[in-house]
Amino acid sequence: MAAGKADDHTKETREPGDAPQAHERHAAAVADLEPLVAEAAVDDAAPEVSADLKRLKDQLLRTAADFDNFRKRSRREVAEAAERGRETMLKELLPVFDNLERATLHSGNATNLEAFVEGIEMVMKQFSESLKRAGIERVPSVGSAFDPTVHEAIQHLPTNEHPPGTVTAEVQGGYRLGGRLIRAAMVVVAKAPEE
């Protein structure tokens, strides 16, 4: 009967995705105590042992519940931290979006193309600075040696102008967050011309 209660207790605190091994270990430990508790209860000569076993069983059940609650709280805190990180990044990028929106609205009336291009370049600079503040850096590409850990070669260009294995053009920029690659740079790589 008590084993059923222990199983019910572990089921109440279980969430989808929890590691079942932890619950099984707790349930097994409680189940191991059950015969001892029943045996001690029958034996009138050992009421202290029976009381100690019951106390230990209750303590074990509380510890299992505390562990489950801690795991749920930790998971919730991680999710909240990720949400705050997204909000911070969005606050950094919204001014860039606002400026791009303004540029788009005024592009139809732009009479000075040079000033318009200068404005777009300023927005690009603002975007780069926002990424830098967020810890995101661009992967160096043009002129550097091809590195398969950060570059994705989409074409090999036979040329004498660059040493073989050198990145000659970037099709799409690559980015890193700290030391972790977010997106590889898509590049064109020089190769020796065929004889």
N, C-alpha and C. Protein backbone atom coordinates (compact mmCIF):
# COMPACT_ATOMS: atom_id res chain seq x y z
N MET A 1 0.83 -1.20 0.00
CA MET A 1 0.00 0.00 0.00
C MET A 1 0.87 1.25 0.00
N ALA A 2 1.89 1.24 0.91
CA ALA A 2 2.76 2.41 1.00
C ALA A 2 3.59 2.55 -0.26
N ALA A 3 3.96 1.41 -0.89
CA ALA A 3 4.73 1.48 -2.12
C ALA A 3 3.93 2.17 -3.21
N GLY A 4 2.63 1.91 -3.24
CA GLY A 4 1.76 2.58 -4.21
C GLY A 4 1.75 4.07 -3.98
N LYS A 5 1.75 4.47 -2.70
CA LYS A 5 1.78 5.91 -2.40
C LYS A 5 3.09 6.53 -2.86
N ALA A 6 4.20 5.81 -2.65
CA ALA A 6 5.50 6.32 -3.09
C ALA A 6 5.51 6.48 -4.60
N ASP A 7 4.94 5.50 -5.32
CA ASP A 7 4.89 5.61 -6.77
C ASP A 7 4.02 6.78 -7.18
N ASP A 8 2.88 6.98 -6.50
CA ASP A 8 2.01 8.12 -6.83
C ASP A 8 2.75 9.42 -6.61
N HIS A 9 3.55 9.48 -5.54
CA HIS A 9 4.27 10.72 -5.23
C HIS A 9 5.25 11.06 -6.35
N THR A 10 5.98 10.04 -6.85
CA THR A 10 6.94 10.33 -7.92
C THR A 10 6.23 10.68 -9.20
N LYS A 11 5.04 10.13 -9.45
CA LYS A 11 4.30 10.46 -10.67
C LYS A 11 3.80 11.89 -10.64
N GLU A 12 3.43 12.39 -9.46
CA GLU A 12 2.90 13.75 -9.37
C GLU A 12 3.93 14.78 -9.78
N THR A 13 5.21 14.54 -9.45
CA THR A 13 6.23 15.55 -9.72
C THR A 13 6.93 15.34 -11.05
N ARG A 14 6.60 14.27 -11.76
CA ARG A 14 7.27 13.99 -13.03
C ARG A 14 6.72 14.88 -14.13
N GLU A 15 7.63 15.37 -14.98
CA GLU A 15 7.24 16.16 -16.15
C GLU A 15 7.71 15.43 -17.39
N PRO A 16 7.09 15.69 -18.53
CA PRO A 16 7.58 15.08 -19.76
C PRO A 16 9.02 15.52 -19.99
N GLY A 17 9.89 14.60 -20.37
CA GLY A 17 11.27 14.94 -20.65
C GLY A 17 12.17 14.74 -19.44
N ASP A 18 11.59 14.48 -18.23
CA ASP A 18 12.42 14.22 -17.05
C ASP A 18 13.16 12.91 -17.27
N ALA A 19 14.32 12.79 -16.62
CA ALA A 19 15.08 11.55 -16.71
C ALA A 19 14.38 10.50 -15.86
N PRO A 20 13.87 9.42 -16.46
CA PRO A 20 13.14 8.41 -15.69
C PRO A 20 14.06 7.66 -14.73
N GLN A 21 15.37 7.65 -15.00
CA GLN A 21 16.28 6.92 -14.12
C GLN A 21 16.25 7.48 -12.71
N ALA A 22 16.20 8.78 -12.55
CA ALA A 22 16.18 9.38 -11.21
C ALA A 22 14.92 8.95 -10.47
N HIS A 23 13.79 8.97 -11.13
CA HIS A 23 12.55 8.55 -10.49
C HIS A 23 12.59 7.07 -10.13
N GLU A 24 13.15 6.26 -11.03
CA GLU A 24 13.23 4.83 -10.77
C GLU A 24 14.13 4.55 -9.57
N ARG A 25 15.24 5.30 -9.47
CA ARG A 25 16.13 5.10 -8.32
C ARG A 25 15.43 5.45 -7.02
N HIS A 26 14.71 6.59 -7.01
CA HIS A 26 13.98 6.99 -5.81
C HIS A 26 12.91 5.98 -5.45
N ALA A 27 12.16 5.53 -6.44
CA ALA A 27 11.09 4.56 -6.20
C ALA A 27 11.68 3.24 -5.71
N ALA A 28 12.82 2.84 -6.28
CA ALA A 28 13.46 1.59 -5.87
C ALA A 28 13.94 1.69 -4.42
N ALA A 29 14.50 2.85 -4.05
CA ALA A 29 14.97 3.03 -2.68
C ALA A 29 13.81 2.96 -1.70
N VAL A 30 12.70 3.59 -2.05
CA VAL A 30 11.51 3.54 -1.19
C VAL A 30 10.99 2.12 -1.11
N ALA A 31 10.97 1.42 -2.25
CA ALA A 31 10.48 0.04 -2.28
C ALA A 31 11.37 -0.87 -1.43
N ASP A 32 12.68 -0.61 -1.43
CA ASP A 32 13.60 -1.40 -0.60
C ASP A 32 13.31 -1.21 0.88
N LEU A 33 12.86 -0.02 1.25
CA LEU A 33 12.56 0.25 2.66
C LEU A 33 11.24 -0.38 3.10
N GLU A 34 10.33 -0.57 2.16
CA GLU A 34 8.99 -1.06 2.51
C GLU A 34 8.99 -2.35 3.32
N PRO A 35 9.71 -3.41 2.88
CA PRO A 35 9.68 -4.65 3.67
C PRO A 35 10.24 -4.45 5.08
N LEU A 36 11.27 -3.60 5.16
CA LEU A 36 11.86 -3.36 6.47
C LEU A 36 10.87 -2.66 7.39
N VAL A 37 10.16 -1.70 6.85
CA VAL A 37 9.17 -0.97 7.65
C VAL A 37 8.06 -1.93 8.08
N ALA A 38 7.58 -2.77 7.16
CA ALA A 38 6.50 -3.72 7.48
C ALA A 38 6.98 -4.73 8.52
N GLU A 39 8.21 -5.23 8.35
CA GLU A 39 8.76 -6.21 9.28
C GLU A 39 8.92 -5.61 10.67
N ALA A 40 9.42 -4.38 10.72
CA ALA A 40 9.63 -3.71 12.01
C ALA A 40 8.29 -3.40 12.68
N ALA A 41 7.28 -3.09 11.89
CA ALA A 41 5.97 -2.77 12.46
C ALA A 41 5.36 -4.01 13.11
N VAL A 42 5.63 -5.19 12.52
CA VAL A 42 5.08 -6.43 13.07
C VAL A 42 5.80 -6.78 14.37
N ASP A 43 7.08 -6.49 14.40
CA ASP A 43 7.89 -6.85 15.55
C ASP A 43 7.71 -5.80 16.65
N ASP A 44 7.02 -6.18 17.73
CA ASP A 44 6.76 -5.24 18.83
C ASP A 44 8.02 -4.94 19.62
N ALA A 45 9.06 -5.76 19.47
CA ALA A 45 10.28 -5.58 20.26
C ALA A 45 11.14 -4.45 19.72
N ALA A 46 10.85 -3.95 18.52
CA ALA A 46 11.72 -2.92 17.93
C ALA A 46 10.92 -1.70 17.47
N PRO A 47 10.19 -1.02 18.36
CA PRO A 47 9.43 0.15 17.92
C PRO A 47 10.32 1.32 17.50
N GLU A 48 11.51 1.40 18.10
CA GLU A 48 12.41 2.50 17.71
C GLU A 48 12.89 2.33 16.28
N VAL A 49 13.19 1.08 15.89
CA VAL A 49 13.65 0.81 14.53
C VAL A 49 12.54 1.12 13.54
N SER A 50 11.34 0.74 13.87
CA SER A 50 10.20 1.02 13.01
C SER A 50 10.01 2.52 12.83
N ALA A 51 10.12 3.26 13.91
CA ALA A 51 9.97 4.73 13.84
C ALA A 51 11.09 5.34 13.00
N ASP A 52 12.33 4.83 13.18
CA ASP A 52 13.46 5.35 12.39
C ASP A 52 13.26 5.06 10.90
N LEU A 53 12.81 3.87 10.58
CA LEU A 53 12.58 3.53 9.17
C LEU A 53 11.49 4.39 8.55
N LYS A 54 10.43 4.64 9.30
CA LYS A 54 9.35 5.50 8.79
C LYS A 54 9.86 6.92 8.58
N ARG A 55 10.68 7.38 9.53
CA ARG A 55 11.24 8.73 9.40
C ARG A 55 12.16 8.82 8.19
N LEU A 56 12.99 7.79 7.99
CA LEU A 56 13.88 7.76 6.82
C LEU A 56 13.10 7.71 5.51
N LYS A 57 12.03 6.94 5.51
CA LYS A 57 11.19 6.86 4.30
C LYS A 57 10.59 8.23 3.98
N ASP A 58 10.06 8.90 5.00
CA ASP A 58 9.49 10.24 4.79
C ASP A 58 10.56 11.21 4.31
N GLN A 59 11.74 11.10 4.90
CA GLN A 59 12.85 11.98 4.51
C GLN A 59 13.24 11.72 3.05
N LEU A 60 13.28 10.45 2.65
CA LEU A 60 13.60 10.10 1.27
C LEU A 60 12.57 10.65 0.30
N LEU A 61 11.30 10.53 0.65
CA LEU A 61 10.24 11.05 -0.21
C LEU A 61 10.34 12.56 -0.34
N ARG A 62 10.64 13.25 0.77
CA ARG A 62 10.80 14.71 0.72
C ARG A 62 12.00 15.11 -0.15
N THR A 63 13.09 14.35 -0.01
CA THR A 63 14.29 14.65 -0.81
C THR A 63 13.99 14.46 -2.30
N ALA A 64 13.28 13.40 -2.63
CA ALA A 64 12.92 13.16 -4.04
C ALA A 64 12.04 14.29 -4.56
N ALA A 65 11.09 14.74 -3.76
CA ALA A 65 10.21 15.84 -4.18
C ALA A 65 11.00 17.13 -4.32
N ASP A 66 11.92 17.39 -3.37
CA ASP A 66 12.76 18.60 -3.45
C ASP A 66 13.62 18.57 -4.71
N PHE A 67 14.16 17.40 -5.03
CA PHE A 67 14.99 17.27 -6.22
C PHE A 67 14.18 17.56 -7.49
N ASP A 68 12.99 17.01 -7.55
CA ASP A 68 12.12 17.25 -8.72
C ASP A 68 11.77 18.74 -8.83
N ASN A 69 11.45 19.36 -7.71
CA ASN A 69 11.12 20.79 -7.72
C ASN A 69 12.32 21.62 -8.14
N PHE A 70 13.50 21.25 -7.65
CA PHE A 70 14.72 21.97 -8.04
C PHE A 70 14.95 21.86 -9.54
N ARG A 71 14.78 20.65 -10.10
CA ARG A 71 14.98 20.46 -11.55
C ARG A 71 13.99 21.31 -12.35
N LYS A 72 12.72 21.33 -11.91
CA LYS A 72 11.71 22.14 -12.61
C LYS A 72 12.05 23.62 -12.52
N ARG A 73 12.46 24.06 -11.34
CA ARG A 73 12.80 25.48 -11.16
C ARG A 73 14.01 25.86 -12.02
N SER A 74 15.01 24.97 -12.07
CA SER A 74 16.20 25.23 -12.89
C SER A 74 15.83 25.34 -14.36
N ARG A 75 14.98 24.43 -14.82
CA ARG A 75 14.55 24.46 -16.22
C ARG A 75 13.81 25.75 -16.53
N ARG A 76 12.94 26.19 -15.60
CA ARG A 76 12.19 27.42 -15.79
C ARG A 76 13.13 28.64 -15.82
N GLU A 77 14.14 28.65 -14.93
CA GLU A 77 15.08 29.77 -14.88
C GLU A 77 15.91 29.85 -16.16
N VAL A 78 16.30 28.70 -16.70
CA VAL A 78 17.05 28.68 -17.96
C VAL A 78 16.19 29.24 -19.09
N ALA A 79 14.93 28.84 -19.14
CA ALA A 79 14.01 29.34 -20.19
C ALA A 79 13.82 30.85 -20.05
N GLU A 80 13.69 31.33 -18.81
CA GLU A 80 13.51 32.78 -18.59
C GLU A 80 14.77 33.54 -18.99
N ALA A 81 15.95 32.99 -18.70
CA ALA A 81 17.20 33.65 -19.09
C ALA A 81 17.32 33.73 -20.61
N ALA A 82 16.92 32.67 -21.30
CA ALA A 82 16.95 32.68 -22.77
C ALA A 82 16.00 33.74 -23.32
N GLU A 83 14.83 33.86 -22.70
CA GLU A 83 13.86 34.87 -23.13
C GLU A 83 14.41 36.28 -22.93
N ARG A 84 15.06 36.52 -21.78
CA ARG A 84 15.66 37.84 -21.53
C ARG A 84 16.77 38.13 -22.53
N GLY A 85 17.53 37.09 -22.91
CA GLY A 85 18.59 37.27 -23.91
C GLY A 85 18.01 37.68 -25.26
N ARG A 86 16.90 37.06 -25.65
CA ARG A 86 16.25 37.43 -26.92
C ARG A 86 15.73 38.86 -26.86
N GLU A 87 15.16 39.25 -25.72
CA GLU A 87 14.65 40.61 -25.57
C GLU A 87 15.78 41.63 -25.69
N THR A 88 16.92 41.34 -25.05
CA THR A 88 18.07 42.25 -25.11
C THR A 88 18.54 42.41 -26.55
N MET A 89 18.64 41.29 -27.27
CA MET A 89 19.08 41.34 -28.67
C MET A 89 18.09 42.11 -29.52
N LEU A 90 16.80 41.91 -29.28
CA LEU A 90 15.78 42.63 -30.03
C LEU A 90 15.88 44.14 -29.79
N LYS A 91 16.12 44.54 -28.54
CA LYS A 91 16.27 45.97 -28.23
C LYS A 91 17.47 46.57 -28.96
N GLU A 92 18.53 45.76 -29.14
CA GLU A 92 19.71 46.23 -29.88
C GLU A 92 19.40 46.41 -31.37
N LEU A 93 18.60 45.50 -31.92
CA LEU A 93 18.38 45.50 -33.37
C LEU A 93 17.21 46.37 -33.82
N LEU A 94 16.28 46.70 -32.94
CA LEU A 94 15.13 47.51 -33.35
C LEU A 94 15.52 48.87 -33.92
N PRO A 95 16.49 49.61 -33.32
CA PRO A 95 16.89 50.88 -33.95
C PRO A 95 17.43 50.70 -35.37
N VAL A 96 18.13 49.60 -35.61
CA VAL A 96 18.64 49.33 -36.97
C VAL A 96 17.45 49.13 -37.91
N PHE A 97 16.48 48.35 -37.48
CA PHE A 97 15.29 48.11 -38.30
C PHE A 97 14.55 49.42 -38.57
N ASP A 98 14.43 50.27 -37.52
CA ASP A 98 13.75 51.57 -37.69
C ASP A 98 14.44 52.39 -38.78
N ASN A 99 15.77 52.43 -38.77
CA ASN A 99 16.50 53.21 -39.77
C ASN A 99 16.35 52.63 -41.17
N LEU A 100 16.35 51.30 -41.26
CA LEU A 100 16.13 50.67 -42.58
C LEU A 100 14.73 50.97 -43.09
N GLU A 101 13.76 50.97 -42.18
CA GLU A 101 12.38 51.30 -42.57
C GLU A 101 12.29 52.74 -43.08
N ARG A 102 12.95 53.66 -42.37
CA ARG A 102 12.96 55.06 -42.83
C ARG A 102 13.60 55.19 -44.21
N ALA A 103 14.72 54.48 -44.40
CA ALA A 103 15.42 54.55 -45.69
C ALA A 103 14.53 54.01 -46.80
N THR A 104 13.80 52.95 -46.53
CA THR A 104 12.91 52.36 -47.53
C THR A 104 11.78 53.33 -47.87
N LEU A 105 11.22 53.98 -46.85
CA LEU A 105 10.12 54.94 -47.09
C LEU A 105 10.56 56.11 -47.96
N HIS A 106 11.80 56.56 -47.76
CA HIS A 106 12.28 57.73 -48.49
C HIS A 106 13.03 57.38 -49.77
N SER A 107 13.20 56.09 -50.06
CA SER A 107 13.96 55.69 -51.24
C SER A 107 13.27 56.14 -52.54
N GLY A 108 11.95 56.14 -52.55
CA GLY A 108 11.23 56.55 -53.76
C GLY A 108 11.39 58.03 -54.08
N ASN A 109 11.62 58.86 -53.04
CA ASN A 109 11.76 60.31 -53.23
C ASN A 109 13.22 60.76 -53.26
N ALA A 110 14.15 59.82 -53.13
CA ALA A 110 15.57 60.19 -53.07
C ALA A 110 16.03 60.74 -54.41
N THR A 111 16.58 61.96 -54.36
CA THR A 111 17.10 62.59 -55.58
C THR A 111 18.62 62.47 -55.64
N ASN A 112 19.23 62.35 -54.46
CA ASN A 112 20.68 62.25 -54.39
C ASN A 112 21.05 60.81 -54.04
N LEU A 113 21.43 60.04 -55.03
CA LEU A 113 21.75 58.63 -54.83
C LEU A 113 22.95 58.46 -53.91
N GLU A 114 23.91 59.36 -54.01
CA GLU A 114 25.11 59.26 -53.17
C GLU A 114 24.75 59.40 -51.68
N ALA A 115 23.85 60.34 -51.36
CA ALA A 115 23.43 60.54 -49.97
C ALA A 115 22.63 59.32 -49.49
N PHE A 116 21.83 58.74 -50.36
CA PHE A 116 21.04 57.56 -50.00
C PHE A 116 21.96 56.38 -49.67
N VAL A 117 22.96 56.15 -50.51
CA VAL A 117 23.93 55.07 -50.27
C VAL A 117 24.69 55.32 -48.99
N GLU A 118 25.04 56.57 -48.74
CA GLU A 118 25.75 56.92 -47.50
C GLU A 118 24.88 56.60 -46.27
N GLY A 119 23.59 56.88 -46.38
CA GLY A 119 22.66 56.57 -45.29
C GLY A 119 22.57 55.07 -45.04
N ILE A 120 22.52 54.28 -46.11
CA ILE A 120 22.46 52.81 -45.97
C ILE A 120 23.76 52.31 -45.32
N GLU A 121 24.89 52.88 -45.72
CA GLU A 121 26.17 52.47 -45.12
C GLU A 121 26.20 52.80 -43.63
N MET A 122 25.59 53.91 -43.23
CA MET A 122 25.52 54.26 -41.80
C MET A 122 24.67 53.24 -41.04
N VAL A 123 23.58 52.80 -41.66
CA VAL A 123 22.73 51.79 -41.02
C VAL A 123 23.50 50.46 -40.89
N MET A 124 24.26 50.10 -41.91
CA MET A 124 25.08 48.88 -41.85
C MET A 124 26.11 48.98 -40.72
N LYS A 125 26.70 50.15 -40.56
CA LYS A 125 27.67 50.35 -39.48
C LYS A 125 26.98 50.21 -38.12
N GLN A 126 25.78 50.78 -38.01
CA GLN A 126 25.00 50.67 -36.77
C GLN A 126 24.68 49.20 -36.47
N PHE A 127 24.34 48.45 -37.51
CA PHE A 127 24.04 47.03 -37.34
C PHE A 127 25.28 46.27 -36.86
N SER A 128 26.43 46.55 -37.47
CA SER A 128 27.68 45.88 -37.06
C SER A 128 28.02 46.18 -35.61
N GLU A 129 27.82 47.44 -35.20
CA GLU A 129 28.11 47.82 -33.81
C GLU A 129 27.15 47.12 -32.84
N SER A 130 25.90 46.97 -33.24
CA SER A 130 24.93 46.25 -32.40
C SER A 130 25.33 44.79 -32.23
N LEU A 131 25.78 44.16 -33.32
CA LEU A 131 26.24 42.77 -33.24
C LEU A 131 27.46 42.66 -32.33
N LYS A 132 28.37 43.61 -32.47
CA LYS A 132 29.60 43.58 -31.66
C LYS A 132 29.25 43.71 -30.17
N ARG A 133 28.32 44.59 -29.83
CA ARG A 133 27.91 44.74 -28.43
C ARG A 133 27.27 43.46 -27.90
N ALA A 134 26.63 42.70 -28.78
CA ALA A 134 26.00 41.44 -28.39
C ALA A 134 27.00 40.29 -28.35
N GLY A 135 28.27 40.57 -28.71
CA GLY A 135 29.30 39.52 -28.68
C GLY A 135 29.35 38.69 -29.95
N ILE A 136 28.70 39.18 -31.01
CA ILE A 136 28.70 38.45 -32.29
C ILE A 136 29.73 39.10 -33.21
N GLU A 137 30.63 38.29 -33.73
CA GLU A 137 31.66 38.83 -34.63
C GLU A 137 31.59 38.13 -35.98
N ARG A 138 31.99 38.87 -37.00
CA ARG A 138 31.97 38.33 -38.36
C ARG A 138 33.21 37.48 -38.59
N VAL A 139 33.04 36.38 -39.28
CA VAL A 139 34.16 35.50 -39.60
C VAL A 139 34.98 36.17 -40.70
N PRO A 140 36.31 36.34 -40.49
CA PRO A 140 37.13 36.92 -41.57
C PRO A 140 37.16 35.98 -42.76
N SER A 141 37.07 36.55 -43.95
CA SER A 141 37.03 35.66 -45.11
C SER A 141 37.94 36.13 -46.23
N VAL A 142 37.57 37.18 -46.97
CA VAL A 142 38.32 37.57 -48.17
C VAL A 142 39.77 37.87 -47.82
N GLY A 143 40.68 37.18 -48.52
CA GLY A 143 42.11 37.38 -48.30
C GLY A 143 42.70 36.42 -47.27
N SER A 144 41.87 35.73 -46.52
CA SER A 144 42.39 34.79 -45.53
C SER A 144 42.44 33.38 -46.12
N ALA A 145 43.17 32.52 -45.46
CA ALA A 145 43.26 31.12 -45.92
C ALA A 145 41.93 30.42 -45.64
N PHE A 146 41.52 29.56 -46.56
CA PHE A 146 40.28 28.82 -46.39
C PHE A 146 40.38 27.94 -45.15
N ASP A 147 39.38 28.03 -44.28
CA ASP A 147 39.32 27.24 -43.04
C ASP A 147 37.97 26.52 -43.02
N PRO A 148 37.97 25.20 -43.20
CA PRO A 148 36.69 24.48 -43.27
C PRO A 148 35.87 24.54 -41.99
N THR A 149 36.48 24.96 -40.88
CA THR A 149 35.71 25.06 -39.64
C THR A 149 34.84 26.31 -39.60
N VAL A 150 35.17 27.32 -40.41
CA VAL A 150 34.38 28.56 -40.42
C VAL A 150 33.93 28.98 -41.81
N HIS A 151 34.45 28.33 -42.85
CA HIS A 151 34.11 28.66 -44.24
C HIS A 151 33.43 27.48 -44.92
N GLU A 152 32.52 27.81 -45.83
CA GLU A 152 31.90 26.80 -46.68
C GLU A 152 32.20 27.19 -48.12
N ALA A 153 33.01 26.38 -48.80
CA ALA A 153 33.40 26.69 -50.18
C ALA A 153 32.26 26.32 -51.12
N ILE A 154 31.78 27.31 -51.88
CA ILE A 154 30.72 27.01 -52.84
C ILE A 154 31.25 27.00 -54.28
N GLN A 155 32.52 27.46 -54.42
CA GLN A 155 33.11 27.47 -55.76
C GLN A 155 34.63 27.54 -55.62
N HIS A 156 35.33 26.89 -56.55
CA HIS A 156 36.78 27.00 -56.64
C HIS A 156 37.09 27.76 -57.92
N LEU A 157 37.87 28.81 -57.79
CA LEU A 157 38.15 29.69 -58.92
C LEU A 157 39.60 29.52 -59.36
N PRO A 158 39.85 29.02 -60.58
CA PRO A 158 41.23 28.92 -61.06
C PRO A 158 41.78 30.34 -61.30
N THR A 159 42.88 30.67 -60.63
CA THR A 159 43.46 32.01 -60.77
C THR A 159 44.93 32.01 -60.39
N ASN A 160 45.65 32.96 -60.99
CA ASN A 160 47.06 33.19 -60.64
C ASN A 160 47.19 34.40 -59.72
N GLU A 161 46.11 35.12 -59.53
CA GLU A 161 46.14 36.35 -58.73
C GLU A 161 46.24 36.08 -57.23
N HIS A 162 45.77 34.92 -56.78
CA HIS A 162 45.79 34.57 -55.36
C HIS A 162 46.42 33.19 -55.18
N PRO A 163 47.09 32.97 -54.06
CA PRO A 163 47.63 31.63 -53.82
C PRO A 163 46.49 30.61 -53.67
N PRO A 164 46.70 29.37 -54.07
CA PRO A 164 45.66 28.35 -53.91
C PRO A 164 45.27 28.21 -52.44
N GLY A 165 43.97 28.04 -52.21
CA GLY A 165 43.46 27.90 -50.85
C GLY A 165 43.12 29.22 -50.18
N THR A 166 43.23 30.33 -50.92
CA THR A 166 42.89 31.65 -50.38
C THR A 166 41.44 31.99 -50.74
N VAL A 167 40.73 32.60 -49.80
CA VAL A 167 39.36 33.03 -50.07
C VAL A 167 39.43 34.29 -50.93
N THR A 168 38.79 34.23 -52.11
CA THR A 168 38.83 35.37 -53.03
C THR A 168 37.57 36.21 -52.99
N ALA A 169 36.45 35.62 -52.57
CA ALA A 169 35.19 36.36 -52.51
C ALA A 169 34.29 35.74 -51.45
N GLU A 170 33.43 36.58 -50.88
CA GLU A 170 32.46 36.12 -49.89
C GLU A 170 31.07 36.29 -50.48
N VAL A 171 30.31 35.21 -50.52
CA VAL A 171 28.95 35.24 -51.04
C VAL A 171 27.97 35.56 -49.91
N GLN A 172 28.25 34.99 -48.74
CA GLN A 172 27.40 35.24 -47.56
C GLN A 172 28.31 35.24 -46.33
N GLY A 173 28.13 36.26 -45.49
CA GLY A 173 28.98 36.39 -44.30
C GLY A 173 28.74 35.30 -43.28
N GLY A 174 29.80 34.98 -42.56
CA GLY A 174 29.70 34.03 -41.46
C GLY A 174 29.83 34.76 -40.13
N TYR A 175 29.25 34.18 -39.07
CA TYR A 175 29.25 34.85 -37.76
C TYR A 175 29.54 33.86 -36.65
N ARG A 176 30.23 34.37 -35.60
CA ARG A 176 30.52 33.60 -34.40
C ARG A 176 29.97 34.34 -33.19
N LEU A 177 29.52 33.57 -32.22
CA LEU A 177 29.11 34.12 -30.93
C LEU A 177 30.08 33.55 -29.92
N GLY A 178 30.97 34.41 -29.41
CA GLY A 178 32.05 33.91 -28.57
C GLY A 178 32.93 33.03 -29.44
N GLY A 179 33.19 31.82 -29.01
CA GLY A 179 33.98 30.89 -29.81
C GLY A 179 33.14 29.95 -30.64
N ARG A 180 31.82 30.08 -30.58
CA ARG A 180 30.92 29.13 -31.25
C ARG A 180 30.45 29.69 -32.59
N LEU A 181 30.57 28.88 -33.63
CA LEU A 181 30.15 29.30 -34.97
C LEU A 181 28.63 29.28 -35.06
N ILE A 182 28.06 30.42 -35.47
CA ILE A 182 26.62 30.50 -35.67
C ILE A 182 26.28 30.13 -37.12
N ARG A 183 27.05 30.71 -38.04
CA ARG A 183 26.84 30.40 -39.46
C ARG A 183 28.18 30.50 -40.18
N ALA A 184 28.48 29.50 -40.98
CA ALA A 184 29.72 29.50 -41.75
C ALA A 184 29.61 30.51 -42.90
N ALA A 185 30.75 31.11 -43.25
CA ALA A 185 30.78 32.04 -44.38
C ALA A 185 30.80 31.23 -45.68
N MET A 186 29.93 31.61 -46.62
CA MET A 186 29.93 30.97 -47.94
C MET A 186 30.92 31.72 -48.81
N VAL A 187 31.95 31.02 -49.30
CA VAL A 187 33.06 31.70 -49.97
C VAL A 187 33.45 31.04 -51.28
N VAL A 188 34.20 31.83 -52.05
CA VAL A 188 34.83 31.34 -53.28
C VAL A 188 36.32 31.20 -52.96
N VAL A 189 36.91 30.04 -53.32
CA VAL A 189 38.30 29.75 -52.94
C VAL A 189 39.15 29.63 -54.21
N ALA A 190 40.34 30.21 -54.14
CA ALA A 190 41.26 30.17 -55.27
C ALA A 190 41.89 28.78 -55.39
N LYS A 191 42.11 28.38 -56.65
CA LYS A 191 42.87 27.17 -56.90
C LYS A 191 43.81 27.43 -58.07
N ALA A 192 44.82 26.62 -58.17
CA ALA A 192 45.78 26.82 -59.25
C ALA A 192 45.12 26.52 -60.59
N PRO A 193 45.38 27.35 -61.59
CA PRO A 193 44.78 27.08 -62.91
C PRO A 193 45.34 25.78 -63.51
N GLU A 194 44.51 25.10 -64.27
CA GLU A 194 44.94 23.87 -64.89
C GLU A 194 45.94 24.18 -65.99
N GLU A 195 46.92 23.32 -66.11
CA GLU A 195 47.98 23.52 -67.12
C GLU A 195 47.42 23.25 -68.51
